[in-house]
Amino acid sequence: MKLSERIKPISYLKANAAEVIAKLAEHQQPMIITVNGEAKAVLQDIDSYEEMQEAIAMLRIVQMGQKDIREGNTIPLEEAMRRVRDGSLD
């Protein structure tokens, strides 16, 4: 679906809500809703939204790991493995 087909005024959404929701699920591409010609909201299907939230969560985990590395909050692999085997993860 072209970007121009995914930009709709709020009046279109009001008049065609069921169709819009069906298209969101079918194409899995967001729709941009305008008010007075300005983009004001983005609608997306639930599966795409959940995927995006999972991706954001993974990026946050990576970011936290990079911060730990920068700050020197790391231990050698052998030490980590020993702690896992011993059950002493503190």
PDB file of N, CA and C in Angstrom:
ATOM      1  N   MET A   1       0.839  -1.172   0.000  1.00  0.00           N
ATOM      2  CA  MET A   1       0.000   0.000   0.000  1.00  0.00           C
ATOM      3  C   MET A   1       0.887   1.239   0.000  1.00  0.00           C
ATOM      4  N   LYS A   2       0.579   2.184  -0.859  1.00  0.00           N
ATOM      5  CA  LYS A   2       1.347   3.419  -0.964  1.00  0.00           C
ATOM      6  C   LYS A   2       1.135   4.289   0.272  1.00  0.00           C
ATOM      7  N   LEU A   3       2.149   5.101   0.583  1.00  0.00           N
ATOM      8  CA  LEU A   3       2.029   6.007   1.725  1.00  0.00           C
ATOM      9  C   LEU A   3       0.828   6.926   1.555  1.00  0.00           C
ATOM     10  N   SER A   4       0.609   7.422   0.350  1.00  0.00           N
ATOM     11  CA  SER A   4      -0.524   8.332   0.125  1.00  0.00           C
ATOM     12  C   SER A   4      -1.863   7.664   0.426  1.00  0.00           C
ATOM     13  N   GLU A   5      -1.940   6.352   0.291  1.00  0.00           N
ATOM     14  CA  GLU A   5      -3.172   5.629   0.601  1.00  0.00           C
ATOM     15  C   GLU A   5      -3.327   5.393   2.103  1.00  0.00           C
ATOM     16  N   ARG A   6      -2.258   5.594   2.848  1.00  0.00           N
ATOM     17  CA  ARG A   6      -2.277   5.360   4.292  1.00  0.00           C
ATOM     18  C   ARG A   6      -2.476   6.647   5.088  1.00  0.00           C
ATOM     19  N   ILE A   7      -2.655   7.774   4.397  1.00  0.00           N
ATOM     20  CA  ILE A   7      -2.914   9.045   5.069  1.00  0.00           C
ATOM     21  C   ILE A   7      -4.378   9.391   4.838  1.00  0.00           C
ATOM     22  N   LYS A   8      -5.128   9.479   5.927  1.00  0.00           N
ATOM     23  CA  LYS A   8      -6.566   9.727   5.822  1.00  0.00           C
ATOM     24  C   LYS A   8      -6.994  10.774   6.849  1.00  0.00           C
ATOM     25  N   PRO A   9      -7.988  11.586   6.487  1.00  0.00           N
ATOM     26  CA  PRO A   9      -8.530  12.545   7.456  1.00  0.00           C
ATOM     27  C   PRO A   9      -9.368  11.817   8.509  1.00  0.00           C
ATOM     28  N   ILE A  10      -9.520  12.454   9.621  1.00  0.00           N
ATOM     29  CA  ILE A  10     -10.278  11.839  10.713  1.00  0.00           C
ATOM     30  C   ILE A  10     -11.717  11.563  10.292  1.00  0.00           C
ATOM     31  N   SER A  11     -12.264  12.360   9.394  1.00  0.00           N
ATOM     32  CA  SER A  11     -13.627  12.113   8.914  1.00  0.00           C
ATOM     33  C   SER A  11     -13.728  10.771   8.197  1.00  0.00           C
ATOM     34  N   TYR A  12     -12.672  10.396   7.481  1.00  0.00           N
ATOM     35  CA  TYR A  12     -12.654   9.091   6.813  1.00  0.00           C
ATOM     36  C   TYR A  12     -12.661   7.974   7.857  1.00  0.00           C
ATOM     37  N   LEU A  13     -11.861   8.142   8.896  1.00  0.00           N
ATOM     38  CA  LEU A  13     -11.829   7.142   9.967  1.00  0.00           C
ATOM     39  C   LEU A  13     -13.198   7.004  10.613  1.00  0.00           C
ATOM     40  N   LYS A  14     -13.843   8.125  10.893  1.00  0.00           N
ATOM     41  CA  LYS A  14     -15.161   8.083  11.521  1.00  0.00           C
ATOM     42  C   LYS A  14     -16.176   7.349  10.646  1.00  0.00           C
ATOM     43  N   ALA A  15     -16.111   7.591   9.354  1.00  0.00           N
ATOM     44  CA  ALA A  15     -17.093   7.011   8.439  1.00  0.00           C
ATOM     45  C   ALA A  15     -16.782   5.569   8.048  1.00  0.00           C
ATOM     46  N   ASN A  16     -15.520   5.162   8.195  1.00  0.00           N
ATOM     47  CA  ASN A  16     -15.101   3.845   7.694  1.00  0.00           C
ATOM     48  C   ASN A  16     -14.284   3.057   8.712  1.00  0.00           C
ATOM     49  N   ALA A  17     -14.611   3.166   9.971  1.00  0.00           N
ATOM     50  CA  ALA A  17     -13.794   2.554  11.031  1.00  0.00           C
ATOM     51  C   ALA A  17     -13.601   1.054  10.822  1.00  0.00           C
ATOM     52  N   ALA A  18     -14.651   0.334  10.519  1.00  0.00           N
ATOM     53  CA  ALA A  18     -14.529  -1.122  10.351  1.00  0.00           C
ATOM     54  C   ALA A  18     -13.616  -1.460   9.178  1.00  0.00           C
ATOM     55  N   GLU A  19     -13.752  -0.744   8.074  1.00  0.00           N
ATOM     56  CA  GLU A  19     -12.898  -0.969   6.904  1.00  0.00           C
ATOM     57  C   GLU A  19     -11.443  -0.641   7.216  1.00  0.00           C
ATOM     58  N   VAL A  20     -11.214   0.453   7.927  1.00  0.00           N
ATOM     59  CA  VAL A  20      -9.852   0.856   8.298  1.00  0.00           C
ATOM     60  C   VAL A  20      -9.206  -0.233   9.145  1.00  0.00           C
ATOM     61  N   ILE A  21      -9.923  -0.743  10.124  1.00  0.00           N
ATOM     62  CA  ILE A  21      -9.373  -1.790  10.991  1.00  0.00           C
ATOM     63  C   ILE A  21      -9.060  -3.048  10.194  1.00  0.00           C
ATOM     64  N   ALA A  22      -9.932  -3.404   9.277  1.00  0.00           N
ATOM     65  CA  ALA A  22      -9.681  -4.581   8.442  1.00  0.00           C
ATOM     66  C   ALA A  22      -8.435  -4.390   7.586  1.00  0.00           C
ATOM     67  N   LYS A  23      -8.264  -3.198   7.016  1.00  0.00           N
ATOM     68  CA  LYS A  23      -7.086  -2.925   6.186  1.00  0.00           C
ATOM     69  C   LYS A  23      -5.800  -2.927   7.023  1.00  0.00           C
ATOM     70  N   LEU A  24      -5.903  -2.413   8.240  1.00  0.00           N
ATOM     71  CA  LEU A  24      -4.721  -2.427   9.117  1.00  0.00           C
ATOM     72  C   LEU A  24      -4.263  -3.855   9.356  1.00  0.00           C
ATOM     73  N   ALA A  25      -5.195  -4.729   9.644  1.00  0.00           N
ATOM     74  CA  ALA A  25      -4.860  -6.129   9.900  1.00  0.00           C
ATOM     75  C   ALA A  25      -4.343  -6.812   8.642  1.00  0.00           C
ATOM     76  N   GLU A  26      -4.939  -6.501   7.504  1.00  0.00           N
ATOM     77  CA  GLU A  26      -4.562  -7.143   6.245  1.00  0.00           C
ATOM     78  C   GLU A  26      -3.172  -6.727   5.775  1.00  0.00           C
ATOM     79  N   HIS A  27      -2.907  -5.432   5.811  1.00  0.00           N
ATOM     80  CA  HIS A  27      -1.651  -4.918   5.250  1.00  0.00           C
ATOM     81  C   HIS A  27      -0.534  -4.781   6.283  1.00  0.00           C
ATOM     82  N   GLN A  28      -0.886  -4.771   7.551  1.00  0.00           N
ATOM     83  CA  GLN A  28       0.070  -4.602   8.648  1.00  0.00           C
ATOM     84  C   GLN A  28       0.977  -3.401   8.424  1.00  0.00           C
ATOM     85  N   GLN A  29       0.377  -2.316   7.966  1.00  0.00           N
ATOM     86  CA  GLN A  29       1.080  -1.049   7.809  1.00  0.00           C
ATOM     87  C   GLN A  29       0.259   0.016   8.522  1.00  0.00           C
ATOM     88  N   PRO A  30       0.911   0.944   9.192  1.00  0.00           N
ATOM     89  CA  PRO A  30       0.171   1.948   9.949  1.00  0.00           C
ATOM     90  C   PRO A  30      -0.581   2.916   9.044  1.00  0.00           C
ATOM     91  N   MET A  31      -1.600   3.531   9.616  1.00  0.00           N
ATOM     92  CA  MET A  31      -2.361   4.563   8.918  1.00  0.00           C
ATOM     93  C   MET A  31      -2.173   5.869   9.684  1.00  0.00           C
ATOM     94  N   ILE A  32      -1.952   6.927   8.949  1.00  0.00           N
ATOM     95  CA  ILE A  32      -1.760   8.246   9.539  1.00  0.00           C
ATOM     96  C   ILE A  32      -3.081   8.993   9.445  1.00  0.00           C
ATOM     97  N   ILE A  33      -3.538   9.526  10.566  1.00  0.00           N
ATOM     98  CA  ILE A  33      -4.796  10.247  10.620  1.00  0.00           C
ATOM     99  C   ILE A  33      -4.496  11.737  10.739  1.00  0.00           C
ATOM    100  N   THR A  34      -5.159  12.511   9.890  1.00  0.00           N
ATOM    101  CA  THR A  34      -4.945  13.952   9.903  1.00  0.00           C
ATOM    102  C   THR A  34      -6.157  14.673  10.477  1.00  0.00           C
ATOM    103  N   VAL A  35      -5.892  15.827  11.050  1.00  0.00           N
ATOM    104  CA  VAL A  35      -6.937  16.731  11.525  1.00  0.00           C
ATOM    105  C   VAL A  35      -6.590  18.097  10.949  1.00  0.00           C
ATOM    106  N   ASN A  36      -7.490  18.648  10.199  1.00  0.00           N
ATOM    107  CA  ASN A  36      -7.263  19.928   9.523  1.00  0.00           C
ATOM    108  C   ASN A  36      -5.976  19.895   8.698  1.00  0.00           C
ATOM    109  N   GLY A  37      -5.731  18.771   8.045  1.00  0.00           N
ATOM    110  CA  GLY A  37      -4.584  18.654   7.151  1.00  0.00           C
ATOM    111  C   GLY A  37      -3.257  18.358   7.824  1.00  0.00           C
ATOM    112  N   GLU A  38      -3.234  18.257   9.131  1.00  0.00           N
ATOM    113  CA  GLU A  38      -1.994  17.973   9.859  1.00  0.00           C
ATOM    114  C   GLU A  38      -2.042  16.559  10.438  1.00  0.00           C
ATOM    115  N   ALA A  39      -0.938  15.833  10.330  1.00  0.00           N
ATOM    116  CA  ALA A  39      -0.854  14.496  10.914  1.00  0.00           C
ATOM    117  C   ALA A  39      -0.968  14.606  12.429  1.00  0.00           C
ATOM    118  N   LYS A  40      -1.900  13.836  12.992  1.00  0.00           N
ATOM    119  CA  LYS A  40      -2.140  13.912  14.441  1.00  0.00           C
ATOM    120  C   LYS A  40      -2.063  12.572  15.146  1.00  0.00           C
ATOM    121  N   ALA A  41      -2.242  11.462  14.405  1.00  0.00           N
ATOM    122  CA  ALA A  41      -2.250  10.154  15.063  1.00  0.00           C
ATOM    123  C   ALA A  41      -1.822   9.083  14.078  1.00  0.00           C
ATOM    124  N   VAL A  42      -1.355   7.978  14.639  1.00  0.00           N
ATOM    125  CA  VAL A  42      -0.994   6.814  13.841  1.00  0.00           C
ATOM    126  C   VAL A  42      -1.766   5.627  14.395  1.00  0.00           C
ATOM    127  N   LEU A  43      -2.432   4.907  13.502  1.00  0.00           N
ATOM    128  CA  LEU A  43      -3.152   3.685  13.878  1.00  0.00           C
ATOM    129  C   LEU A  43      -2.406   2.493  13.306  1.00  0.00           C
ATOM    130  N   GLN A  44      -2.320   1.426  14.081  1.00  0.00           N
ATOM    131  CA  GLN A  44      -1.685   0.219  13.569  1.00  0.00           C
ATOM    132  C   GLN A  44      -2.375  -1.006  14.151  1.00  0.00           C
ATOM    133  N   ASP A  45      -2.207  -2.138  13.456  1.00  0.00           N
ATOM    134  CA  ASP A  45      -2.821  -3.372  13.930  1.00  0.00           C
ATOM    135  C   ASP A  45      -2.090  -3.863  15.176  1.00  0.00           C
ATOM    136  N   ILE A  46      -2.780  -4.684  15.946  1.00  0.00           N
ATOM    137  CA  ILE A  46      -2.252  -5.125  17.233  1.00  0.00           C
ATOM    138  C   ILE A  46      -1.002  -5.990  17.084  1.00  0.00           C
ATOM    139  N   ASP A  47      -0.947  -6.847  16.054  1.00  0.00           N
ATOM    140  CA  ASP A  47       0.231  -7.701  15.886  1.00  0.00           C
ATOM    141  C   ASP A  47       1.479  -6.873  15.621  1.00  0.00           C
ATOM    142  N   SER A  48       1.360  -5.865  14.764  1.00  0.00           N
ATOM    143  CA  SER A  48       2.498  -4.992  14.473  1.00  0.00           C
ATOM    144  C   SER A  48       2.899  -4.205  15.716  1.00  0.00           C
ATOM    145  N   TYR A  49       1.898  -3.756  16.469  1.00  0.00           N
ATOM    146  CA  TYR A  49       2.177  -3.016  17.695  1.00  0.00           C
ATOM    147  C   TYR A  49       2.951  -3.886  18.692  1.00  0.00           C
ATOM    148  N   GLU A  50       2.502  -5.123  18.881  1.00  0.00           N
ATOM    149  CA  GLU A  50       3.182  -6.020  19.814  1.00  0.00           C
ATOM    150  C   GLU A  50       4.604  -6.324  19.352  1.00  0.00           C
ATOM    151  N   GLU A  51       4.792  -6.530  18.049  1.00  0.00           N
ATOM    152  CA  GLU A  51       6.147  -6.742  17.518  1.00  0.00           C
ATOM    153  C   GLU A  51       7.038  -5.551  17.804  1.00  0.00           C
ATOM    154  N   MET A  52       6.497  -4.362  17.598  1.00  0.00           N
ATOM    155  CA  MET A  52       7.268  -3.143  17.841  1.00  0.00           C
ATOM    156  C   MET A  52       7.638  -3.027  19.324  1.00  0.00           C
ATOM    157  N   GLN A  53       6.701  -3.335  20.214  1.00  0.00           N
ATOM    158  CA  GLN A  53       6.986  -3.269  21.646  1.00  0.00           C
ATOM    159  C   GLN A  53       8.069  -4.267  22.044  1.00  0.00           C
ATOM    160  N   GLU A  54       8.032  -5.469  21.473  1.00  0.00           N
ATOM    161  CA  GLU A  54       9.064  -6.467  21.750  1.00  0.00           C
ATOM    162  C   GLU A  54      10.426  -5.998  21.245  1.00  0.00           C
ATOM    163  N   ALA A  55      10.449  -5.393  20.059  1.00  0.00           N
ATOM    164  CA  ALA A  55      11.711  -4.888  19.500  1.00  0.00           C
ATOM    165  C   ALA A  55      12.268  -3.776  20.380  1.00  0.00           C
ATOM    166  N   ILE A  56      11.401  -2.898  20.855  1.00  0.00           N
ATOM    167  CA  ILE A  56      11.844  -1.820  21.740  1.00  0.00           C
ATOM    168  C   ILE A  56      12.411  -2.395  23.035  1.00  0.00           C
ATOM    169  N   ALA A  57      11.753  -3.407  23.584  1.00  0.00           N
ATOM    170  CA  ALA A  57      12.243  -4.039  24.814  1.00  0.00           C
ATOM    171  C   ALA A  57      13.628  -4.645  24.597  1.00  0.00           C
ATOM    172  N   MET A  58      13.820  -5.310  23.452  1.00  0.00           N
ATOM    173  CA  MET A  58      15.134  -5.893  23.154  1.00  0.00           C
ATOM    174  C   MET A  58      16.196  -4.802  23.015  1.00  0.00           C
ATOM    175  N   LEU A  59      15.857  -3.713  22.366  1.00  0.00           N
ATOM    176  CA  LEU A  59      16.810  -2.611  22.219  1.00  0.00           C
ATOM    177  C   LEU A  59      17.180  -2.023  23.569  1.00  0.00           C
ATOM    178  N   ARG A  60      16.216  -1.951  24.475  1.00  0.00           N
ATOM    179  CA  ARG A  60      16.513  -1.443  25.828  1.00  0.00           C
ATOM    180  C   ARG A  60      17.476  -2.378  26.563  1.00  0.00           C
ATOM    181  N   ILE A  61      17.286  -3.680  26.393  1.00  0.00           N
ATOM    182  CA  ILE A  61      18.185  -4.646  27.024  1.00  0.00           C
ATOM    183  C   ILE A  61      19.600  -4.489  26.464  1.00  0.00           C
ATOM    184  N   VAL A  62      19.704  -4.346  25.154  1.00  0.00           N
ATOM    185  CA  VAL A  62      21.021  -4.136  24.524  1.00  0.00           C
ATOM    186  C   VAL A  62      21.645  -2.848  25.053  1.00  0.00           C
ATOM    187  N   GLN A  63      20.852  -1.795  25.141  1.00  0.00           N
ATOM    188  CA  GLN A  63      21.349  -0.513  25.639  1.00  0.00           C
ATOM    189  C   GLN A  63      21.863  -0.637  27.075  1.00  0.00           C
ATOM    190  N   MET A  64      21.132  -1.376  27.913  1.00  0.00           N
ATOM    191  CA  MET A  64      21.577  -1.581  29.295  1.00  0.00           C
ATOM    192  C   MET A  64      22.891  -2.355  29.327  1.00  0.00           C
ATOM    193  N   GLY A  65      23.019  -3.362  28.455  1.00  0.00           N
ATOM    194  CA  GLY A  65      24.259  -4.127  28.386  1.00  0.00           C
ATOM    195  C   GLY A  65      25.426  -3.266  27.946  1.00  0.00           C
ATOM    196  N   GLN A  66      25.203  -2.408  26.966  1.00  0.00           N
ATOM    197  CA  GLN A  66      26.270  -1.515  26.503  1.00  0.00           C
ATOM    198  C   GLN A  66      26.686  -0.549  27.610  1.00  0.00           C
ATOM    199  N   LYS A  67      25.714  -0.080  28.381  1.00  0.00           N
ATOM    200  CA  LYS A  67      26.028   0.811  29.504  1.00  0.00           C
ATOM    201  C   LYS A  67      26.877   0.079  30.537  1.00  0.00           C
ATOM    202  N   ASP A  68      26.505  -1.167  30.851  1.00  0.00           N
ATOM    203  CA  ASP A  68      27.305  -1.954  31.794  1.00  0.00           C
ATOM    204  C   ASP A  68      28.732  -2.128  31.306  1.00  0.00           C
ATOM    205  N   ILE A  69      28.892  -2.382  30.014  1.00  0.00           N
ATOM    206  CA  ILE A  69      30.235  -2.546  29.449  1.00  0.00           C
ATOM    207  C   ILE A  69      31.021  -1.248  29.594  1.00  0.00           C
ATOM    208  N   ARG A  70      30.405  -0.119  29.231  1.00  0.00           N
ATOM    209  CA  ARG A  70      31.086   1.183  29.342  1.00  0.00           C
ATOM    210  C   ARG A  70      31.516   1.476  30.779  1.00  0.00           C
ATOM    211  N   GLU A  71      30.668   1.100  31.732  1.00  0.00           N
ATOM    212  CA  GLU A  71      30.930   1.390  33.141  1.00  0.00           C
ATOM    213  C   GLU A  71      31.785   0.321  33.814  1.00  0.00           C
ATOM    214  N   GLY A  72      32.165  -0.695  33.060  1.00  0.00           N
ATOM    215  CA  GLY A  72      33.022  -1.741  33.613  1.00  0.00           C
ATOM    216  C   GLY A  72      32.295  -2.718  34.516  1.00  0.00           C
ATOM    217  N   ASN A  73      31.000  -2.788  34.419  1.00  0.00           N
ATOM    218  CA  ASN A  73      30.213  -3.706  35.244  1.00  0.00           C
ATOM    219  C   ASN A  73      30.111  -5.060  34.559  1.00  0.00           C
ATOM    220  N   THR A  74      31.230  -5.700  34.359  1.00  0.00           N
ATOM    221  CA  THR A  74      31.273  -6.994  33.687  1.00  0.00           C
ATOM    222  C   THR A  74      32.166  -7.945  34.470  1.00  0.00           C
ATOM    223  N   ILE A  75      31.996  -9.225  34.177  1.00  0.00           N
ATOM    224  CA  ILE A  75      32.896 -10.231  34.736  1.00  0.00           C
ATOM    225  C   ILE A  75      33.300 -11.165  33.605  1.00  0.00           C
ATOM    226  N   PRO A  76      34.434 -11.833  33.743  1.00  0.00           N
ATOM    227  CA  PRO A  76      34.852 -12.776  32.706  1.00  0.00           C
ATOM    228  C   PRO A  76      33.831 -13.916  32.553  1.00  0.00           C
ATOM    229  N   LEU A  77      33.747 -14.470  31.355  1.00  0.00           N
ATOM    230  CA  LEU A  77      32.803 -15.546  31.056  1.00  0.00           C
ATOM    231  C   LEU A  77      32.973 -16.722  32.017  1.00  0.00           C
ATOM    232  N   GLU A  78      34.226 -17.083  32.285  1.00  0.00           N
ATOM    233  CA  GLU A  78      34.472 -18.228  33.169  1.00  0.00           C
ATOM    234  C   GLU A  78      33.853 -18.006  34.543  1.00  0.00           C
ATOM    235  N   GLU A  79      33.955 -16.774  35.056  1.00  0.00           N
ATOM    236  CA  GLU A  79      33.371 -16.443  36.357  1.00  0.00           C
ATOM    237  C   GLU A  79      31.854 -16.520  36.295  1.00  0.00           C
ATOM    238  N   ALA A  80      31.282 -16.016  35.231  1.00  0.00           N
ATOM    239  CA  ALA A  80      29.821 -16.060  35.072  1.00  0.00           C
ATOM    240  C   ALA A  80      29.339 -17.503  35.033  1.00  0.00           C
ATOM    241  N   MET A  81      30.033 -18.343  34.281  1.00  0.00           N
ATOM    242  CA  MET A  81      29.647 -19.748  34.182  1.00  0.00           C
ATOM    243  C   MET A  81      29.778 -20.449  35.533  1.00  0.00           C
ATOM    244  N   ARG A  82      30.823 -20.142  36.275  1.00  0.00           N
ATOM    245  CA  ARG A  82      30.993 -20.739  37.599  1.00  0.00           C
ATOM    246  C   ARG A  82      29.828 -20.342  38.501  1.00  0.00           C
ATOM    247  N   ARG A  83      29.442 -19.076  38.462  1.00  0.00           N
ATOM    248  CA  ARG A  83      28.330 -18.602  39.288  1.00  0.00           C
ATOM    249  C   ARG A  83      27.021 -19.300  38.903  1.00  0.00           C
ATOM    250  N   VAL A  84      26.807 -19.512  37.615  1.00  0.00           N
ATOM    251  CA  VAL A  84      25.590 -20.191  37.163  1.00  0.00           C
ATOM    252  C   VAL A  84      25.579 -21.622  37.684  1.00  0.00           C
ATOM    253  N   ARG A  85      26.723 -22.309  37.540  1.00  0.00           N
ATOM    254  CA  ARG A  85      26.810 -23.701  38.031  1.00  0.00           C
ATOM    255  C   ARG A  85      26.631 -23.789  39.531  1.00  0.00           C
ATOM    256  N   ASP A  86      27.203 -22.837  40.260  1.00  0.00           N
ATOM    257  CA  ASP A  86      27.124 -22.855  41.736  1.00  0.00           C
ATOM    258  C   ASP A  86      25.789 -22.321  42.259  1.00  0.00           C
ATOM    259  N   GLY A  87      25.026 -21.674  41.387  1.00  0.00           N
ATOM    260  CA  GLY A  87      23.782 -21.068  41.838  1.00  0.00           C
ATOM    261  C   GLY A  87      23.985 -19.795  42.602  1.00  0.00           C
ATOM    262  N   SER A  88      25.149 -19.189  42.476  1.00  0.00           N
ATOM    263  CA  SER A  88      25.441 -17.921  43.187  1.00  0.00           C
ATOM    264  C   SER A  88      25.526 -16.790  42.181  1.00  0.00           C
ATOM    265  N   LEU A  89      24.376 -16.322  41.739  1.00  0.00           N
ATOM    266  CA  LEU A  89      24.335 -15.299  40.678  1.00  0.00           C
ATOM    267  C   LEU A  89      24.484 -13.896  41.208  1.00  0.00           C
ATOM    268  N   ASP A  90      24.720 -13.706  42.483  1.00  0.00           N
ATOM    269  CA  ASP A  90      24.862 -12.346  43.048  1.00  0.00           C
ATOM    270  C   ASP A  90      26.210 -11.765  42.772  1.00  0.00           C
TER     271      ASP A  90
END
